Amino acid sequence: MSSDFFQELKDRGLVFQTTDEAALEKQLNEESVKLYVGFDPTADSLHIGHLLPVLMLRRFQQNGHVPIALVGGGTGMIGDPSFKDQERQLNTLDIVQQWSDQIKNQLSRFIDFESETTPAIIANNYDWLGEISMIDFLRDVGKNFTINYMMSKESVKRRIESGISYTEFAYQLLQAYDFLKLYETHGCLLQLGGSDQWGNITSGIELLRREKEVQGFGLTMPLITKADGTKFGKTEGNAVWLDAEKTTPYEFYQFWINTDDRDVIKFLKYFTFLSLEEIAAIEQEFLAAPETRVAQKALAKEVTTLVHGKERYEQAVRISNALFNGEIKQLTGEEITQGFKDVPTYQVKAEDSEQLLELLIAANIASSKRQAREDLQNGAIYVNGDRVQELEYTITSDDKLADQFVVIRRGKKKYFLLTF
């Protein structure tokens, strides 16, 4: 055990609240502790809002503790009310189980289930929540909690005005029961979660105390806020997923490389395994010359490599450089697909003319023939990064990148993709 592990978590800003900090620190410094984080399958992939707790499990494992990743196959059927303004949509058992399996696979990229010393454990709370009868649950779990205690939780109080169903009101009891079951089956004594989970975590500690007369612990991480006030984990309003099919490695890299100067050092501490000394050196270099974006480059490199691997990170950098320098011809077909995923795309039909002037109109790049002529004559049109001014220019097989793409740029920044 590393005697300064808990202190490092604090120095990184990763500790928001703990129950009995002195006792927890002593426990972590003296023995290998089993700890868990729950992940409810509310989609078929985790997103970067989940990344902090996932990386916390990895940090604990690297320091000799045993992480338990709990997939909420049972609780995912209900929905956690914590800091949600409205009731979640309920999903079918089949969908929740399918999503649970996909999340299990993703988690194995971050924590080691094969470790010789501290192998991580995967569990699914459907295994016990799916079997317990309503009467047993009310007798064994419900009797330990007063309505007053449950009502005092911030996550419940926030919803009393707008309305909360009994289903979501009882969620904290289900999560408390998870802690009890993980203690019984694995000796788990610590639960981690975001700061919005504090009420659920303390309910679990209360149940352990009453049923088993043992001291459990809770640790929450800070809720991540961005300096500009926008929600962390979204780009253009869409979630940034850990699944490469849902958010391409290039888009993922772009999210991190565009981190605000005011957030970047904090994010290096949260999301990377660079030492605090290495981060301090990057910070010094960054403060001396912010325009070099050395901190953003380090952050994007570390997190993209961690989630997608070195090869995909290098590919994302190649796409970025090619787009920045206009050197589009260097890109492979897959890189073009990633780099131009969100630009307007036109599928060229068999009957379309391959004359550039006509294609500009067909693909809505220019609003009229006159506009298309003007754009060409004024040098505003680029084909695969090269300026074209000839009115008679025709697209040939030489222009088709990977035999199927032509990238048109109008002006400085407006990109369009023609596919053949």
Protein backbone atom coordinates (compact mmCIF):
# COMPACT_ATOMS: atom_id res chain seq x y z
CA MET A 1 0.00 0.00 0.00
CA SER A 2 1.23 3.49 -0.80
CA SER A 3 1.11 5.58 2.37
CA ASP A 4 0.56 8.79 0.41
CA PHE A 5 -2.13 7.45 -1.98
CA PHE A 6 -5.06 9.14 -0.22
CA GLN A 7 -3.09 12.39 0.00
CA GLU A 8 -2.43 12.22 -3.74
CA LEU A 9 -6.15 11.81 -4.43
CA LYS A 10 -6.73 14.97 -2.39
CA ASP A 11 -3.90 16.82 -4.15
CA ARG A 12 -5.49 15.94 -7.49
CA GLY A 13 -8.79 17.40 -6.28
CA LEU A 14 -10.51 14.02 -6.54
CA VAL A 15 -11.94 13.90 -3.01
CA PHE A 16 -15.13 15.90 -2.50
CA GLN A 17 -16.68 14.24 0.58
CA THR A 18 -15.77 11.27 2.73
CA THR A 19 -17.31 9.54 5.71
CA ASP A 20 -14.82 9.38 8.60
CA GLU A 21 -11.79 10.51 6.62
CA ALA A 22 -9.18 9.61 9.25
CA ALA A 23 -10.45 6.02 9.58
CA LEU A 24 -10.69 5.63 5.79
CA GLU A 25 -7.16 6.94 5.25
CA LYS A 26 -5.83 4.55 7.91
CA GLN A 27 -7.66 1.62 6.30
CA LEU A 28 -6.34 2.45 2.81
CA ASN A 29 -2.77 2.86 4.06
CA GLU A 30 -2.70 -0.35 6.09
CA GLU A 31 -4.56 -2.97 4.04
CA SER A 32 -5.97 -3.86 0.63
CA VAL A 33 -9.54 -2.56 0.56
CA LYS A 34 -12.36 -3.79 -1.68
CA LEU A 35 -14.32 -0.87 -3.13
CA TYR A 36 -17.06 -0.45 -5.69
CA VAL A 37 -18.63 1.97 -8.15
CA GLY A 38 -22.04 1.33 -9.69
CA PHE A 39 -22.78 1.97 -13.37
CA ASP A 40 -26.44 1.89 -14.37
CA PRO A 41 -26.88 0.81 -18.01
CA THR A 42 -28.96 3.75 -19.28
CA ALA A 43 -27.41 3.43 -22.78
CA ASP A 44 -25.34 0.92 -24.76
CA SER A 45 -22.08 2.71 -23.90
CA LEU A 46 -20.45 4.65 -21.10
CA HIS A 47 -19.69 8.32 -21.82
CA ILE A 48 -17.05 10.68 -20.49
CA GLY A 49 -19.28 11.57 -17.55
CA HIS A 50 -18.43 8.03 -16.35
CA LEU A 51 -14.71 8.40 -16.99
CA LEU A 52 -13.76 9.88 -13.60
CA PRO A 53 -15.24 7.01 -11.51
CA VAL A 54 -13.83 4.43 -13.96
CA LEU A 55 -10.35 5.94 -13.65
CA MET A 56 -10.74 6.08 -9.85
CA LEU A 57 -11.22 2.29 -9.86
CA ARG A 58 -8.01 2.03 -11.91
CA ARG A 59 -6.12 4.33 -9.50
CA PHE A 60 -7.19 2.23 -6.51
CA GLN A 61 -6.21 -0.99 -8.27
CA GLN A 62 -2.77 0.41 -9.16
CA ASN A 63 -2.30 1.12 -5.46
CA GLY A 64 -3.04 -2.41 -4.30
CA HIS A 65 -6.80 -2.25 -3.71
CA VAL A 66 -9.48 -4.44 -5.31
CA PRO A 67 -12.03 -2.63 -7.50
CA ILE A 68 -15.53 -3.98 -8.00
CA ALA A 69 -17.37 -2.66 -11.05
CA LEU A 70 -21.06 -3.07 -10.35
CA VAL A 71 -23.24 -3.03 -13.45
CA GLY A 72 -26.76 -2.01 -12.46
CA GLY A 73 -28.77 -4.58 -14.39
CA GLY A 74 -31.40 -4.31 -11.61
CA THR A 75 -31.24 -0.64 -10.63
CA GLY A 76 -31.04 0.25 -14.33
CA MET A 77 -34.63 -1.03 -14.57
CA ILE A 78 -35.70 1.66 -12.07
CA GLY A 79 -33.67 4.83 -12.61
CA ASP A 80 -31.78 6.94 -10.08
CA PRO A 81 -33.53 10.24 -9.22
CA SER A 82 -30.28 11.87 -8.02
CA PHE A 83 -30.18 15.43 -9.34
CA LYS A 84 -32.45 14.59 -12.28
CA ASP A 85 -35.26 17.05 -12.95
CA GLN A 86 -37.66 14.41 -14.21
CA GLU A 87 -38.45 10.72 -14.10
CA ARG A 88 -36.28 8.49 -16.30
CA GLN A 89 -37.81 6.42 -19.06
CA LEU A 90 -38.01 2.76 -18.04
CA ASN A 91 -36.35 0.23 -20.34
CA THR A 92 -37.18 -3.45 -20.89
CA LEU A 93 -35.21 -6.23 -19.21
CA ASP A 94 -33.78 -7.40 -22.58
CA ILE A 95 -32.42 -3.96 -23.42
CA VAL A 96 -30.96 -3.40 -19.94
CA GLN A 97 -29.24 -6.82 -20.04
CA GLN A 98 -27.83 -6.15 -23.51
CA TRP A 99 -26.50 -2.76 -22.39
CA SER A 100 -25.09 -4.34 -19.21
CA ASP A 101 -22.98 -6.74 -21.31
CA GLN A 102 -21.66 -3.91 -23.50
CA ILE A 103 -20.71 -1.84 -20.45
CA LYS A 104 -18.95 -4.86 -18.91
CA ASN A 105 -16.77 -5.12 -22.04
CA GLN A 106 -15.91 -1.41 -21.91
CA LEU A 107 -14.91 -1.55 -18.24
CA SER A 108 -12.40 -4.31 -18.97
CA ARG A 109 -10.35 -1.82 -21.01
CA PHE A 110 -9.64 0.23 -17.89
CA ILE A 111 -9.42 -2.17 -14.98
CA ASP A 112 -7.58 -5.47 -14.89
CA PHE A 113 -9.74 -8.54 -14.26
CA GLU A 114 -6.73 -10.87 -14.74
CA SER A 115 -4.28 -9.24 -12.28
CA GLU A 116 -2.30 -11.80 -10.25
CA THR A 117 -2.39 -9.70 -7.07
CA THR A 118 -5.58 -7.62 -7.06
CA PRO A 119 -7.89 -8.87 -9.86
CA ALA A 120 -10.90 -6.60 -10.34
CA ILE A 121 -14.36 -8.08 -9.81
CA ILE A 122 -17.39 -7.54 -12.04
CA ALA A 123 -20.87 -7.90 -10.54
CA ASN A 124 -24.41 -7.27 -11.72
CA ASN A 125 -27.03 -6.29 -9.15
CA TYR A 126 -29.76 -7.99 -11.19
CA ASP A 127 -28.36 -11.24 -9.71
CA TRP A 128 -29.83 -10.36 -6.30
CA LEU A 129 -32.40 -7.64 -7.02
CA GLY A 130 -34.03 -9.86 -9.66
CA GLU A 131 -34.58 -12.62 -7.10
CA ILE A 132 -35.62 -10.92 -3.86
CA SER A 133 -39.34 -10.87 -3.10
CA MET A 134 -41.13 -7.63 -2.24
CA ILE A 135 -42.01 -8.94 1.25
CA ASP A 136 -38.40 -9.94 2.02
CA PHE A 137 -37.12 -6.61 0.74
CA LEU A 138 -39.52 -4.58 2.90
CA ARG A 139 -38.79 -6.72 5.99
CA ASP A 140 -34.99 -6.95 5.60
CA VAL A 141 -34.16 -3.56 4.10
CA GLY A 142 -37.14 -1.23 4.42
CA LYS A 143 -37.46 -1.72 8.19
CA ASN A 144 -34.03 -0.12 8.68
CA PHE A 145 -35.05 3.27 7.27
CA THR A 146 -37.54 5.87 8.44
CA ILE A 147 -39.44 7.97 5.92
CA ASN A 148 -37.92 11.05 7.61
CA TYR A 149 -34.39 9.73 6.93
CA MET A 150 -35.19 9.02 3.27
CA MET A 151 -36.89 12.41 2.82
CA SER A 152 -33.85 14.21 4.21
CA LYS A 153 -31.70 13.16 1.22
CA GLU A 154 -30.89 16.08 -1.08
CA SER A 155 -31.68 14.01 -4.19
CA VAL A 156 -35.23 13.41 -2.88
CA LYS A 157 -35.77 16.93 -1.49
CA ARG A 158 -35.00 18.45 -4.88
CA ARG A 159 -37.76 16.42 -6.50
CA ILE A 160 -40.51 16.69 -3.88
CA GLU A 161 -41.81 19.93 -5.43
CA SER A 162 -41.97 18.64 -9.02
CA GLY A 163 -43.00 15.14 -7.97
CA ILE A 164 -41.17 11.85 -7.45
CA SER A 165 -42.65 8.38 -7.93
CA TYR A 166 -42.41 5.74 -5.22
CA THR A 167 -40.22 3.79 -7.68
CA GLU A 168 -37.51 6.46 -7.71
CA PHE A 169 -38.05 7.34 -4.05
CA ALA A 170 -37.13 3.74 -3.14
CA TYR A 171 -33.99 3.78 -5.32
CA GLN A 172 -31.74 4.64 -2.37
CA LEU A 173 -32.86 1.43 -0.63
CA LEU A 174 -31.87 -0.64 -3.66
CA GLN A 175 -28.43 0.98 -3.73
CA ALA A 176 -28.06 0.46 0.02
CA TYR A 177 -28.90 -3.23 -0.50
CA ASP A 178 -26.18 -3.44 -3.18
CA PHE A 179 -23.59 -2.30 -0.62
CA LEU A 180 -24.84 -4.91 1.85
CA LYS A 181 -24.70 -7.72 -0.76
CA LEU A 182 -21.19 -6.71 -1.92
CA TYR A 183 -20.04 -6.72 1.70
CA GLU A 184 -21.56 -10.19 2.22
CA THR A 185 -20.13 -11.71 -0.99
CA HIS A 186 -16.80 -9.87 -1.34
CA GLY A 187 -16.09 -8.03 1.92
CA CYS A 188 -16.53 -4.67 0.17
CA LEU A 189 -16.17 -1.74 2.62
CA LEU A 190 -15.96 1.37 0.42
CA GLN A 191 -18.30 2.88 -2.14
CA LEU A 192 -17.20 5.61 -4.57
CA GLY A 193 -19.45 7.85 -6.63
CA GLY A 194 -20.04 11.33 -7.94
CA SER A 195 -21.04 14.00 -5.44
CA ASP A 196 -24.69 13.50 -6.50
CA GLN A 197 -24.49 9.97 -5.01
CA TRP A 198 -23.82 11.06 -1.42
CA GLY A 199 -27.37 10.34 -0.21
CA ASN A 200 -27.42 6.86 -1.75
CA ILE A 201 -23.95 6.03 -0.42
CA THR A 202 -24.72 7.07 3.15
CA SER A 203 -27.91 4.96 3.06
CA GLY A 204 -25.73 1.94 2.26
CA ILE A 205 -23.36 2.72 5.13
CA GLU A 206 -26.36 2.99 7.46
CA LEU A 207 -27.65 -0.43 6.33
CA LEU A 208 -24.21 -2.03 6.89
CA ARG A 209 -24.07 -0.55 10.38
CA ARG A 210 -27.55 -1.76 11.32
CA GLU A 211 -27.44 -5.24 9.72
CA LYS A 212 -23.76 -6.20 10.12
CA GLU A 213 -22.45 -3.79 12.78
CA VAL A 214 -19.50 -2.90 10.53
CA GLN A 215 -18.18 0.47 9.48
CA GLY A 216 -18.50 1.08 5.76
CA PHE A 217 -17.01 4.10 4.02
CA GLY A 218 -18.06 6.49 1.31
CA LEU A 219 -16.00 8.77 -0.91
CA THR A 220 -17.43 11.10 -3.52
CA MET A 221 -15.65 12.90 -6.34
CA PRO A 222 -16.44 16.48 -7.30
CA LEU A 223 -19.10 17.16 -9.91
CA ILE A 224 -17.16 18.36 -12.94
CA THR A 225 -18.01 21.87 -14.04
CA LYS A 226 -16.53 23.80 -16.95
CA ALA A 227 -15.24 27.34 -16.51
CA ASP A 228 -17.51 28.65 -19.29
CA GLY A 229 -20.61 27.32 -17.52
CA THR A 230 -21.46 24.68 -20.15
CA LYS A 231 -22.04 21.07 -19.14
CA PHE A 232 -18.99 18.84 -19.06
CA GLY A 233 -19.20 15.81 -21.34
CA LYS A 234 -21.23 17.36 -24.11
CA THR A 235 -20.05 18.78 -27.42
CA GLU A 236 -22.58 20.54 -29.67
CA GLY A 237 -25.17 19.24 -27.22
CA ASN A 238 -24.26 15.57 -27.85
CA ALA A 239 -22.73 13.23 -25.29
CA VAL A 240 -19.09 12.25 -25.85
CA TRP A 241 -19.18 8.44 -25.75
CA LEU A 242 -16.37 5.99 -24.99
CA ASP A 243 -17.56 3.78 -27.85
CA ALA A 244 -15.64 4.56 -31.07
CA GLU A 245 -18.75 3.81 -33.13
CA LYS A 246 -20.77 6.51 -31.33
CA THR A 247 -18.03 9.14 -30.94
CA THR A 248 -15.10 8.67 -33.33
CA PRO A 249 -11.56 8.79 -31.85
CA TYR A 250 -11.03 12.01 -33.85
CA GLU A 251 -14.14 13.65 -32.31
CA PHE A 252 -13.04 12.37 -28.89
CA TYR A 253 -9.56 13.88 -29.38
CA GLN A 254 -11.13 17.16 -30.53
CA PHE A 255 -13.20 17.37 -27.34
CA TRP A 256 -10.06 17.28 -25.19
CA ILE A 257 -7.82 19.42 -27.42
CA ASN A 258 -10.46 22.18 -27.25
CA THR A 259 -10.45 22.29 -23.43
CA ASP A 260 -10.67 25.80 -22.01
CA ASP A 261 -7.34 27.21 -20.69
CA ARG A 262 -9.03 27.67 -17.29
CA ASP A 263 -9.92 23.95 -17.01
CA VAL A 264 -6.98 22.16 -18.60
CA ILE A 265 -4.66 21.74 -15.57
CA LYS A 266 -7.55 20.56 -13.40
CA PHE A 267 -8.49 18.00 -16.09
CA LEU A 268 -4.87 16.78 -16.33
CA LYS A 269 -5.06 16.00 -12.60
CA TYR A 270 -8.48 14.32 -12.89
CA PHE A 271 -8.19 12.30 -16.10
CA THR A 272 -4.54 11.37 -16.59
CA PHE A 273 -2.01 9.20 -14.80
CA LEU A 274 0.78 11.73 -15.27
CA SER A 275 2.43 12.40 -11.90
CA LEU A 276 1.70 15.67 -10.12
CA GLU A 277 5.34 16.67 -10.78
CA GLU A 278 4.88 16.09 -14.52
CA ILE A 279 1.64 18.10 -14.48
CA ALA A 280 3.37 20.95 -12.58
CA ALA A 281 6.08 21.06 -15.28
CA ILE A 282 3.44 21.14 -18.05
CA GLU A 283 1.61 23.91 -16.17
CA GLN A 284 4.78 26.01 -15.96
CA GLU A 285 5.42 25.63 -19.69
CA PHE A 286 1.75 26.33 -20.45
CA LEU A 287 1.58 29.51 -18.34
CA ALA A 288 4.74 30.82 -20.03
CA ALA A 289 3.26 30.29 -23.52
CA PRO A 290 -0.49 29.44 -23.53
CA GLU A 291 -0.65 29.82 -27.32
CA THR A 292 1.40 26.60 -27.73
CA ARG A 293 -1.52 24.71 -26.10
CA VAL A 294 1.02 22.31 -24.59
CA ALA A 295 -1.37 21.42 -21.75
CA GLN A 296 -4.29 20.67 -24.10
CA LYS A 297 -2.01 18.54 -26.29
CA ALA A 298 -0.83 16.54 -23.26
CA LEU A 299 -4.42 16.07 -22.04
CA ALA A 300 -5.75 14.99 -25.44
CA LYS A 301 -2.84 12.60 -25.93
CA GLU A 302 -3.18 10.93 -22.51
CA VAL A 303 -6.97 10.52 -22.50
CA THR A 304 -7.36 9.51 -26.16
CA THR A 305 -4.56 6.94 -25.79
CA LEU A 306 -6.11 5.63 -22.57
CA VAL A 307 -9.57 5.19 -24.12
CA HIS A 308 -8.79 4.33 -27.76
CA GLY A 309 -5.12 3.27 -27.85
CA LYS A 310 -1.93 4.81 -29.27
CA GLU A 311 -2.74 4.04 -32.91
CA ARG A 312 -6.15 5.78 -32.82
CA TYR A 313 -4.62 8.75 -30.99
CA GLU A 314 -1.95 9.14 -33.71
CA GLN A 315 -4.64 8.85 -36.36
CA ALA A 316 -6.67 11.64 -34.69
CA VAL A 317 -3.59 13.89 -34.66
CA ARG A 318 -2.97 13.11 -38.35
CA ILE A 319 -6.57 14.06 -39.26
CA SER A 320 -6.33 17.28 -37.22
CA ASN A 321 -3.05 18.31 -38.85
CA ALA A 322 -4.29 17.49 -42.34
CA LEU A 323 -7.44 19.58 -41.84
CA PHE A 324 -5.51 22.46 -40.29
CA ASN A 325 -2.91 22.52 -43.08
CA GLY A 326 -5.34 21.67 -45.88
CA GLU A 327 -3.37 18.51 -46.73
CA ILE A 328 -6.43 16.35 -47.21
CA LYS A 329 -4.91 14.08 -49.86
CA GLN A 330 -2.75 12.41 -47.19
CA LEU A 331 -5.79 10.96 -45.41
CA THR A 332 -7.06 7.39 -45.78
CA GLY A 333 -10.72 6.63 -46.48
CA GLU A 334 -11.36 5.81 -42.80
CA GLU A 335 -9.70 9.06 -41.71
CA ILE A 336 -11.86 11.06 -44.15
CA THR A 337 -14.97 9.34 -42.76
CA GLN A 338 -13.94 10.31 -39.21
CA GLY A 339 -12.75 13.83 -39.99
CA PHE A 340 -15.80 14.78 -42.06
CA LYS A 341 -18.44 12.83 -40.14
CA ASP A 342 -20.52 15.93 -39.39
CA VAL A 343 -20.06 17.99 -42.55
CA PRO A 344 -22.81 18.22 -45.19
CA THR A 345 -22.48 15.19 -47.46
CA TYR A 346 -23.80 14.65 -50.97
CA GLN A 347 -24.03 11.23 -52.60
CA VAL A 348 -23.24 11.80 -56.29
CA LYS A 349 -25.81 10.01 -58.44
CA ALA A 350 -25.17 8.18 -61.70
CA GLU A 351 -27.10 10.84 -63.66
CA ASP A 352 -25.18 13.78 -62.09
CA SER A 353 -22.69 15.66 -64.23
CA GLU A 354 -19.14 15.34 -62.90
CA GLN A 355 -18.40 18.92 -63.92
CA LEU A 356 -17.47 20.79 -60.73
CA LEU A 357 -19.70 23.79 -61.52
CA GLU A 358 -22.78 21.53 -61.78
CA LEU A 359 -21.84 19.52 -58.68
CA LEU A 360 -21.59 22.70 -56.59
CA ILE A 361 -25.24 23.38 -57.37
CA ALA A 362 -26.43 19.74 -57.05
CA ALA A 363 -24.78 19.42 -53.61
CA ASN A 364 -26.17 22.80 -52.41
CA ILE A 365 -22.65 24.16 -51.98
CA ALA A 366 -23.67 27.12 -54.16
CA SER A 367 -27.24 28.44 -54.32
CA SER A 368 -27.23 29.13 -58.08
CA LYS A 369 -25.17 28.80 -61.25
CA ARG A 370 -24.20 32.45 -60.99
CA GLN A 371 -23.06 31.98 -57.38
CA ALA A 372 -21.07 28.86 -58.35
CA ARG A 373 -19.33 30.76 -61.19
CA GLU A 374 -18.48 33.66 -58.89
CA ASP A 375 -17.12 31.35 -56.19
CA LEU A 376 -14.88 29.59 -58.71
CA GLN A 377 -13.65 32.80 -60.35
CA ASN A 378 -12.97 34.42 -56.95
CA GLY A 379 -10.85 31.46 -55.81
CA ALA A 380 -13.26 30.46 -53.02
CA ILE A 381 -13.51 26.77 -54.04
CA TYR A 382 -10.95 24.11 -53.07
CA VAL A 383 -10.97 20.46 -54.19
CA ASN A 384 -9.13 18.20 -51.73
CA GLY A 385 -7.25 21.26 -50.43
CA ASP A 386 -6.26 22.65 -53.88
CA ARG A 387 -7.79 25.89 -55.15
CA VAL A 388 -9.73 25.46 -58.40
CA GLN A 389 -10.72 28.46 -60.55
CA GLU A 390 -11.49 26.84 -63.92
CA LEU A 391 -15.17 27.00 -64.81
CA GLU A 392 -14.81 23.85 -66.95
CA TYR A 393 -13.10 21.75 -64.23
CA THR A 394 -14.33 18.14 -64.20
CA ILE A 395 -13.93 15.67 -61.35
CA THR A 396 -11.89 12.66 -62.49
CA SER A 397 -10.81 9.43 -60.82
CA ASP A 398 -7.56 11.23 -59.82
CA ASP A 399 -9.64 13.51 -57.57
CA LYS A 400 -11.41 10.65 -55.80
CA LEU A 401 -9.66 9.95 -52.50
CA ALA A 402 -9.80 6.28 -51.55
CA ASP A 403 -11.73 5.93 -54.86
CA GLN A 404 -14.87 7.39 -53.30
CA PHE A 405 -14.49 10.82 -51.66
CA VAL A 406 -13.98 14.38 -52.86
CA VAL A 407 -13.65 17.08 -50.21
CA ILE A 408 -14.86 20.52 -51.26
CA ARG A 409 -14.04 23.61 -49.23
CA ARG A 410 -15.84 26.88 -49.80
CA GLY A 411 -14.07 29.90 -48.32
CA LYS A 412 -11.89 29.38 -45.26
CA LYS A 413 -13.87 26.91 -43.20
CA LYS A 414 -16.97 25.50 -44.92
CA TYR A 415 -16.38 21.87 -45.80
CA PHE A 416 -18.56 19.56 -47.89
CA LEU A 417 -18.09 15.90 -48.73
CA LEU A 418 -18.99 14.34 -52.06
CA THR A 419 -19.20 10.55 -52.06
CA PHE A 420 -19.11 8.48 -55.24
